[in-house]
Amino acid sequence: MTMKKAAVLILVGLFIINLNVYGSSAGKKVKNIILMVPDGTPISTIVAARIYAYGPGKERLHLETLEQIGYQSTHSRNSIITDSAAAASAWACGQKFNNKEISFHRETKEAPKTILELAKEMGKGTGLVATSTITHATPAAFGAHVFSRKCEKTIAKQFITTTGVDVLLGGGLSNFKSTEMQKDFCGTWGNFITLAEENNYKVVYNREEMLKAVGEKKLLGLFCPGCMTPVYKKEVMDPKNREPGLPEMTRTALSILEQNNKGFFLMVEGSQVDWANHQNNLIYQIGETLEFDRAVKVVLDWVEDKESRRENTLIIVVSDHGCGGFAIKGPYGKTFDKPGEYIEDGWVSKSHTGEDTMIWSQGPYSEHLGKAIDNTDIFHIMKAALTGDVYKHP
């Protein structure tokens, strides 16, 4: 072998090693990041919903078809058992927070920039979608900084006047329009609907108005005073409900945000899977899980519609923590032969639980998510994706 051939082989070897260490996405900026959160969802919840939807065969939920599979540890700064505020703040900022803190360290008064704020600084569009109040802990962590998740009116005001999130869709009208007698834990109250309109938001209150607003650049959709109606209640008790579903809200957010030629950051939360698990309510749980999965399908269809979207979009599906200690305990000695049958459920508690949670992902930089990581790592991977930097584990 000549010296020249040996040198070439060494360079090729170093290149392969570099790909293995740093991943094939190094140097490529990601245009869009879509983070999707089925709140409070252990893997057993996914399995139960899959069995109900398809039976126990080979068909999978849409979220299970993403290319990379990993899992994350979830503890907060001050507890093995995290709450949604600390967990979402870890994703948003890449640091551990105490439970109840919203991207804000109460002791030091530090408020690190969130991934949404970094995307905003780059000129990208930004959006938050949830089936809770839009000011609830998970969406709040990306667009606000407060010492307590109870400060939902403060969060509402920050969304509009400080962060300027382009698309906000969910419940929580009462947090955007209140009197002094209704002030929040931080002492904030006021008419933030007027503030939103002054800041060029189109404000809508039902499904029909939302669907007509797809050409707007900034949209605030508040579809009920508190949280949105659970899927199983809408289907059975209130067929004339005028609230949009999570898939429709997701599609609307994409339609507005894709107008920005620099791309966008979007967080979509299926908030009430967690609440169903708190209640140990299987029917509630499966309805919310499948509704969330339909929103995942909306995203996957949107990405697959254009080659450029697939090449330039990072999709991450991850739950913040477990809840209820949910388990499939039966039926033992029997399998289902058709969809629409419920498993036998078992529960450990009505509170959050400390197990690791699954991560499904695809797109540039997703290779860094297909393994065991910490929840704080997700921020650093998203940040590297935005900047095109080589990702190195912190």
Protein backbone atom coordinates (compact mmCIF):
# COMPACT_ATOMS: atom_id res chain seq x y z
CA MET A 1 0.00 0.00 0.00
CA THR A 2 1.36 3.41 -0.96
CA MET A 3 1.64 6.27 1.52
CA LYS A 4 -0.98 8.20 -0.49
CA LYS A 5 -3.55 5.37 -0.29
CA ALA A 6 -2.86 4.97 3.42
CA ALA A 7 -3.47 8.68 4.00
CA VAL A 8 -6.77 8.52 2.11
CA LEU A 9 -7.95 5.53 4.17
CA ILE A 10 -7.05 7.34 7.39
CA LEU A 11 -9.04 10.41 6.32
CA VAL A 12 -12.04 8.25 5.39
CA GLY A 13 -11.80 6.49 8.76
CA LEU A 14 -11.68 9.79 10.61
CA PHE A 15 -14.72 10.99 8.65
CA ILE A 16 -16.70 7.87 9.61
CA ILE A 17 -15.67 8.25 13.24
CA ASN A 18 -16.78 11.88 13.14
CA LEU A 19 -20.20 10.84 11.79
CA ASN A 20 -20.56 8.21 14.50
CA VAL A 21 -19.61 10.63 17.27
CA TYR A 22 -21.33 13.79 16.15
CA GLY A 23 -24.13 12.55 13.89
CA SER A 24 -24.82 13.19 10.23
CA SER A 25 -26.71 16.46 10.88
CA ALA A 26 -23.64 18.46 11.92
CA GLY A 27 -23.48 21.82 10.15
CA LYS A 28 -27.09 21.69 8.95
CA LYS A 29 -29.47 24.31 10.32
CA VAL A 30 -32.99 23.06 10.92
CA LYS A 31 -35.73 25.31 9.59
CA ASN A 32 -38.61 23.99 11.73
CA ILE A 33 -38.82 22.35 15.15
CA ILE A 34 -42.10 20.75 16.25
CA LEU A 35 -42.16 19.52 19.85
CA MET A 36 -45.23 17.44 20.71
CA VAL A 37 -46.07 16.55 24.30
CA PRO A 38 -48.58 13.93 25.48
CA ASP A 39 -48.49 15.15 29.07
CA GLY A 40 -48.20 12.58 31.87
CA THR A 41 -47.98 9.64 29.48
CA PRO A 42 -46.03 6.47 30.33
CA ILE A 43 -45.47 3.86 27.60
CA SER A 44 -48.29 1.72 29.02
CA THR A 45 -50.76 4.48 28.08
CA ILE A 46 -49.57 4.31 24.48
CA VAL A 47 -50.00 0.53 24.45
CA ALA A 48 -53.54 0.71 25.88
CA ALA A 49 -54.58 3.27 23.26
CA ARG A 50 -53.01 1.21 20.47
CA ILE A 51 -54.88 -1.93 21.53
CA TYR A 52 -58.15 -0.02 21.69
CA ALA A 53 -57.58 1.57 18.26
CA TYR A 54 -56.20 -1.41 16.34
CA GLY A 55 -56.30 -4.51 18.51
CA PRO A 56 -53.08 -6.23 19.66
CA GLY A 57 -51.72 -6.78 16.13
CA LYS A 58 -48.84 -5.15 14.31
CA GLU A 59 -50.40 -1.76 13.52
CA ARG A 60 -48.94 1.16 15.49
CA LEU A 61 -50.01 4.63 16.52
CA HIS A 62 -48.74 7.41 14.29
CA LEU A 63 -46.31 8.65 16.94
CA GLU A 64 -44.73 5.18 17.06
CA THR A 65 -43.77 5.38 13.38
CA LEU A 66 -41.14 8.09 13.88
CA GLU A 67 -37.63 6.99 12.97
CA GLN A 68 -35.76 7.35 16.26
CA ILE A 69 -36.73 5.92 19.66
CA GLY A 70 -35.05 6.88 22.93
CA TYR A 71 -35.97 7.74 26.47
CA GLN A 72 -35.30 10.49 29.00
CA SER A 73 -34.87 10.85 32.74
CA THR A 74 -37.37 13.30 34.23
CA HIS A 75 -36.41 14.35 37.77
CA SER A 76 -36.54 18.04 38.68
CA ARG A 77 -33.93 20.06 40.58
CA ASN A 78 -35.57 19.43 43.96
CA SER A 79 -37.49 16.18 43.48
CA ILE A 80 -37.29 12.70 41.97
CA ILE A 81 -40.92 13.30 40.97
CA THR A 82 -41.16 16.29 38.66
CA ASP A 83 -44.17 18.44 37.92
CA SER A 84 -44.97 19.75 34.45
CA ALA A 85 -43.52 23.20 35.18
CA ALA A 86 -40.03 21.98 36.02
CA ALA A 87 -40.10 19.33 33.28
CA ALA A 88 -41.13 21.74 30.52
CA SER A 89 -38.66 24.36 31.79
CA ALA A 90 -35.89 21.75 31.47
CA TRP A 91 -36.82 21.28 27.80
CA ALA A 92 -37.22 25.00 27.26
CA CYS A 93 -33.95 26.13 28.90
CA GLY A 94 -31.65 23.11 29.27
CA GLN A 95 -31.41 23.46 33.05
CA LYS A 96 -33.00 21.78 36.06
CA PHE A 97 -35.67 23.81 37.86
CA ASN A 98 -37.56 23.34 41.09
CA ASN A 99 -41.12 22.10 40.84
CA LYS A 100 -43.60 24.91 40.10
CA GLU A 101 -40.95 27.22 38.58
CA ILE A 102 -41.61 28.43 35.03
CA SER A 103 -38.23 28.96 33.31
CA PHE A 104 -37.22 31.07 36.30
CA HIS A 105 -34.93 30.31 39.23
CA ARG A 106 -36.69 31.75 42.25
CA GLU A 107 -33.58 31.77 44.45
CA THR A 108 -31.25 33.60 42.03
CA LYS A 109 -33.91 35.46 39.96
CA GLU A 110 -32.28 34.09 36.80
CA ALA A 111 -34.50 33.67 33.75
CA PRO A 112 -32.55 31.86 31.00
CA LYS A 113 -33.76 32.30 27.44
CA THR A 114 -36.03 29.57 26.19
CA ILE A 115 -35.74 27.69 22.92
CA LEU A 116 -38.85 29.56 21.72
CA GLU A 117 -37.20 32.90 22.51
CA LEU A 118 -34.03 31.84 20.69
CA ALA A 119 -36.11 30.90 17.64
CA LYS A 120 -37.87 34.26 17.86
CA GLU A 121 -34.52 36.08 17.90
CA MET A 122 -33.62 34.26 14.68
CA GLY A 123 -36.75 35.66 13.02
CA LYS A 124 -38.67 32.39 13.13
CA GLY A 125 -42.36 32.03 13.83
CA THR A 126 -43.44 30.67 17.20
CA GLY A 127 -46.51 28.84 18.38
CA LEU A 128 -48.03 27.13 21.42
CA VAL A 129 -51.06 24.82 21.28
CA ALA A 130 -52.64 23.00 24.24
CA THR A 131 -55.88 21.39 25.42
CA SER A 132 -55.41 22.87 28.91
CA THR A 133 -55.43 26.62 29.47
CA ILE A 134 -52.79 27.96 27.11
CA THR A 135 -51.16 29.53 30.19
CA HIS A 136 -50.81 26.15 31.93
CA ALA A 137 -47.40 24.86 33.05
CA THR A 138 -46.15 23.18 29.86
CA PRO A 139 -46.87 25.92 27.29
CA ALA A 140 -45.98 28.59 29.87
CA ALA A 141 -42.41 27.34 30.22
CA PHE A 142 -41.61 28.18 26.59
CA GLY A 143 -43.01 31.71 26.51
CA ALA A 144 -42.86 33.10 30.06
CA HIS A 145 -40.66 33.46 33.15
CA VAL A 146 -42.36 33.40 36.58
CA PHE A 147 -41.56 31.91 39.96
CA SER A 148 -44.83 29.97 40.14
CA ARG A 149 -47.04 28.16 37.65
CA LYS A 150 -50.00 29.62 39.56
CA CYS A 151 -49.31 33.03 37.98
CA GLU A 152 -51.36 32.27 34.87
CA LYS A 153 -52.54 35.84 34.27
CA THR A 154 -48.94 37.03 34.45
CA ILE A 155 -48.05 34.32 31.94
CA ALA A 156 -50.86 35.49 29.64
CA LYS A 157 -49.58 39.05 29.73
CA GLN A 158 -45.98 37.97 29.06
CA PHE A 159 -47.08 35.89 26.07
CA ILE A 160 -48.60 38.99 24.47
CA THR A 161 -46.41 41.89 25.55
CA THR A 162 -42.97 40.38 26.25
CA THR A 163 -42.42 37.20 24.25
CA GLY A 164 -44.89 37.90 21.44
CA VAL A 165 -45.70 34.26 20.65
CA ASP A 166 -47.25 34.35 17.17
CA VAL A 167 -49.85 31.59 17.59
CA LEU A 168 -51.58 30.76 20.89
CA LEU A 169 -54.41 28.21 20.77
CA GLY A 170 -56.16 26.53 23.70
CA GLY A 171 -58.33 27.24 26.72
CA GLY A 172 -57.92 29.94 29.32
CA LEU A 173 -60.03 32.93 28.30
CA SER A 174 -60.48 33.84 31.99
CA ASN A 175 -56.72 34.39 32.31
CA PHE A 176 -56.74 36.97 29.53
CA LYS A 177 -59.65 39.03 30.83
CA SER A 178 -60.06 39.48 34.59
CA THR A 179 -60.85 41.98 37.30
CA GLU A 180 -58.75 42.94 40.30
CA MET A 181 -60.85 40.57 42.40
CA GLN A 182 -59.64 37.73 40.13
CA LYS A 183 -55.91 38.51 40.24
CA ASP A 184 -53.48 35.61 40.11
CA PHE A 185 -50.86 34.34 42.57
CA CYS A 186 -48.47 37.08 41.40
CA GLY A 187 -51.11 39.81 41.79
CA THR A 188 -51.68 40.29 38.04
CA TRP A 189 -55.03 40.98 36.40
CA GLY A 190 -56.38 42.92 33.43
CA ASN A 191 -57.78 42.86 29.91
CA PHE A 192 -55.09 41.23 27.82
CA ILE A 193 -57.52 40.65 24.95
CA THR A 194 -57.34 44.37 24.22
CA LEU A 195 -53.56 44.23 24.57
CA ALA A 196 -53.47 41.36 22.09
CA GLU A 197 -55.54 43.27 19.55
CA GLU A 198 -53.28 46.31 20.01
CA ASN A 199 -50.33 43.99 19.28
CA ASN A 200 -51.90 42.86 15.98
CA TYR A 201 -53.34 39.52 17.11
CA LYS A 202 -56.51 38.22 15.53
CA VAL A 203 -58.55 36.92 18.49
CA VAL A 204 -60.97 34.02 17.93
CA TYR A 205 -63.27 32.13 20.28
CA ASN A 206 -64.56 29.05 18.42
CA ARG A 207 -63.73 26.51 15.72
CA GLU A 208 -65.41 28.39 12.87
CA GLU A 209 -63.62 31.65 13.63
CA MET A 210 -60.29 29.81 13.93
CA LEU A 211 -60.66 28.08 10.56
CA LYS A 212 -61.37 31.44 8.89
CA ALA A 213 -58.22 32.94 10.39
CA VAL A 214 -55.65 30.70 8.69
CA GLY A 215 -54.29 33.62 6.65
CA GLU A 216 -53.48 35.71 9.73
CA LYS A 217 -49.91 36.31 10.90
CA LYS A 218 -50.69 36.38 14.64
CA LEU A 219 -53.53 34.43 16.20
CA LEU A 220 -54.88 34.12 19.74
CA GLY A 221 -57.53 31.43 20.08
CA LEU A 222 -59.25 31.11 23.45
CA PHE A 223 -61.99 28.52 23.19
CA CYS A 224 -63.30 28.29 26.76
CA PRO A 225 -62.86 30.05 30.12
CA GLY A 226 -60.77 27.21 31.58
CA CYS A 227 -59.46 23.99 30.09
CA MET A 228 -60.94 22.56 26.91
CA THR A 229 -63.64 19.89 26.99
CA PRO A 230 -62.29 16.30 27.23
CA VAL A 231 -62.73 14.25 24.07
CA TYR A 232 -64.95 11.60 25.68
CA LYS A 233 -67.33 14.26 27.01
CA LYS A 234 -67.52 16.06 23.67
CA GLU A 235 -68.31 12.85 21.83
CA VAL A 236 -70.95 11.57 24.23
CA MET A 237 -72.46 14.55 26.04
CA ASP A 238 -71.95 17.62 23.83
CA PRO A 239 -72.04 16.88 20.09
CA LYS A 240 -72.63 20.58 19.28
CA ASN A 241 -69.49 21.71 21.09
CA ARG A 242 -67.89 24.58 19.12
CA GLU A 243 -64.35 24.04 20.37
CA PRO A 244 -61.77 22.87 17.83
CA GLY A 245 -59.99 19.58 18.41
CA LEU A 246 -56.25 19.29 18.91
CA PRO A 247 -55.65 18.10 15.31
CA GLU A 248 -57.52 21.15 13.96
CA MET A 249 -55.60 23.53 16.21
CA THR A 250 -52.34 21.92 15.12
CA ARG A 251 -53.24 22.22 11.44
CA THR A 252 -54.18 25.88 11.90
CA ALA A 253 -50.93 26.64 13.71
CA LEU A 254 -48.92 25.02 10.90
CA SER A 255 -50.85 26.98 8.25
CA ILE A 256 -50.02 30.28 9.91
CA LEU A 257 -46.44 29.54 10.93
CA GLU A 258 -45.39 28.11 7.56
CA GLN A 259 -45.89 31.60 6.09
CA ASN A 260 -42.61 32.57 7.76
CA ASN A 261 -39.87 31.74 5.24
CA LYS A 262 -37.32 31.47 8.06
CA GLY A 263 -39.24 28.60 9.67
CA PHE A 264 -40.75 28.18 13.11
CA PHE A 265 -40.80 26.58 16.55
CA LEU A 266 -44.10 24.97 17.55
CA MET A 267 -45.04 23.17 20.76
CA VAL A 268 -48.23 21.09 20.78
CA GLU A 269 -49.50 19.56 24.03
CA GLY A 270 -52.11 16.90 24.60
CA SER A 271 -52.52 18.24 28.12
CA GLN A 272 -55.30 16.07 29.43
CA VAL A 273 -53.78 12.61 29.13
CA ASP A 274 -52.13 13.59 32.41
CA TRP A 275 -55.43 14.65 33.96
CA ALA A 276 -57.06 11.39 32.93
CA ASN A 277 -54.26 9.47 34.63
CA HIS A 278 -54.60 11.62 37.75
CA GLN A 279 -58.24 10.48 37.84
CA ASN A 280 -57.36 6.85 37.03
CA ASN A 281 -59.93 7.15 34.24
CA LEU A 282 -59.17 4.76 31.36
CA ILE A 283 -61.87 6.00 28.95
CA TYR A 284 -60.73 9.61 29.44
CA GLN A 285 -57.09 8.55 29.00
CA ILE A 286 -57.58 6.64 25.75
CA GLY A 287 -59.71 9.39 24.21
CA GLU A 288 -57.04 12.02 24.89
CA THR A 289 -54.17 9.79 23.76
CA LEU A 290 -55.81 9.01 20.43
CA GLU A 291 -56.72 12.68 19.94
CA PHE A 292 -53.07 13.56 20.49
CA ASP A 293 -52.02 10.86 18.03
CA ARG A 294 -54.35 12.36 15.42
CA ALA A 295 -52.49 15.65 15.91
CA VAL A 296 -49.22 13.78 15.32
CA LYS A 297 -50.68 12.50 12.04
CA VAL A 298 -51.47 16.09 11.03
CA VAL A 299 -47.80 16.99 11.57
CA LEU A 300 -46.50 13.91 9.75
CA ASP A 301 -48.83 14.54 6.79
CA TRP A 302 -47.70 18.17 6.67
CA VAL A 303 -44.03 17.15 6.68
CA GLU A 304 -44.46 14.42 4.06
CA ASP A 305 -46.34 16.77 1.74
CA LYS A 306 -43.06 18.43 0.65
CA GLU A 307 -39.56 16.98 0.42
CA SER A 308 -38.09 20.22 1.73
CA ARG A 309 -40.16 19.97 4.91
CA ARG A 310 -38.95 16.47 5.64
CA GLU A 311 -35.34 17.52 5.13
CA ASN A 312 -35.63 20.65 7.27
CA THR A 313 -37.99 19.72 10.13
CA LEU A 314 -37.11 18.15 13.46
CA ILE A 315 -40.09 16.44 15.11
CA ILE A 316 -39.90 15.37 18.75
CA VAL A 317 -42.68 13.53 20.61
CA VAL A 318 -41.98 13.18 24.33
CA SER A 319 -43.91 13.06 27.59
CA ASP A 320 -42.76 15.14 30.55
CA HIS A 321 -43.36 12.45 33.21
CA GLY A 322 -45.47 9.45 34.12
CA CYS A 323 -48.71 9.69 36.06
CA GLY A 324 -50.88 7.29 38.03
CA GLY A 325 -48.53 4.33 37.78
CA PHE A 326 -50.82 3.01 35.05
CA ALA A 327 -50.44 -0.63 34.05
CA ILE A 328 -52.20 -3.10 31.77
CA LYS A 329 -53.15 -5.93 34.13
CA GLY A 330 -55.43 -7.92 31.88
CA PRO A 331 -57.26 -9.65 30.52
CA TYR A 332 -55.03 -12.59 31.39
CA GLY A 333 -55.37 -15.69 29.20
CA LYS A 334 -57.30 -13.80 26.52
CA THR A 335 -56.47 -11.61 23.55
CA PHE A 336 -58.67 -9.24 21.57
CA ASP A 337 -59.56 -9.99 17.97
CA LYS A 338 -60.89 -6.56 16.99
CA PRO A 339 -60.48 -2.85 17.82
CA GLY A 340 -62.68 -0.98 20.30
CA GLU A 341 -62.06 -3.14 23.36
CA TYR A 342 -60.60 -1.78 26.60
CA ILE A 343 -57.81 -3.53 28.49
CA GLU A 344 -58.13 -4.11 32.25
CA ASP A 345 -56.40 -1.23 34.00
CA GLY A 346 -54.33 -1.07 37.17
CA TRP A 347 -53.09 2.00 39.03
CA VAL A 348 -50.48 2.77 41.68
CA SER A 349 -51.54 6.31 42.62
CA LYS A 350 -53.33 9.45 41.50
CA SER A 351 -50.12 11.46 41.32
CA HIS A 352 -47.11 11.85 39.07
CA THR A 353 -44.58 9.01 38.95
CA GLY A 354 -40.82 9.02 38.43
CA GLU A 355 -40.18 6.62 35.57
CA ASP A 356 -38.25 7.60 32.44
CA THR A 357 -40.43 8.49 29.46
CA MET A 358 -40.18 7.62 25.77
CA ILE A 359 -38.93 9.91 23.01
CA TRP A 360 -39.96 9.41 19.39
CA SER A 361 -38.31 11.68 16.82
CA GLN A 362 -37.32 12.16 13.22
CA GLY A 363 -35.51 14.68 11.06
CA PRO A 364 -32.13 16.40 11.33
CA TYR A 365 -30.44 15.98 14.73
CA SER A 366 -32.91 13.26 15.78
CA GLU A 367 -30.01 10.79 15.85
CA HIS A 368 -29.03 12.38 19.18
CA LEU A 369 -32.45 11.54 20.65
CA GLY A 370 -32.46 7.82 19.90
CA LYS A 371 -30.84 6.76 23.17
CA ALA A 372 -30.95 7.33 26.93
CA ILE A 373 -30.69 11.05 27.72
CA ASP A 374 -31.80 13.58 30.34
CA ASN A 375 -34.71 15.95 29.74
CA THR A 376 -32.29 18.92 29.76
CA ASP A 377 -30.46 17.42 26.76
CA ILE A 378 -33.49 18.03 24.55
CA PHE A 379 -32.96 21.80 24.78
CA HIS A 380 -29.31 21.51 23.78
CA ILE A 381 -30.16 19.26 20.84
CA MET A 382 -32.86 21.69 19.67
CA LYS A 383 -30.50 24.64 20.07
CA ALA A 384 -27.79 22.90 18.03
CA ALA A 385 -30.42 22.15 15.40
CA LEU A 386 -31.40 25.84 15.20
CA THR A 387 -27.81 27.05 14.88
CA GLY A 388 -26.37 24.20 12.84
CA ASP A 389 -23.69 23.59 15.46
CA VAL A 390 -22.11 20.21 16.13
CA TYR A 391 -24.02 18.73 19.07
CA LYS A 392 -21.85 17.67 21.97
CA HIS A 393 -23.38 16.23 25.11
CA PRO A 394 -23.16 18.96 27.82
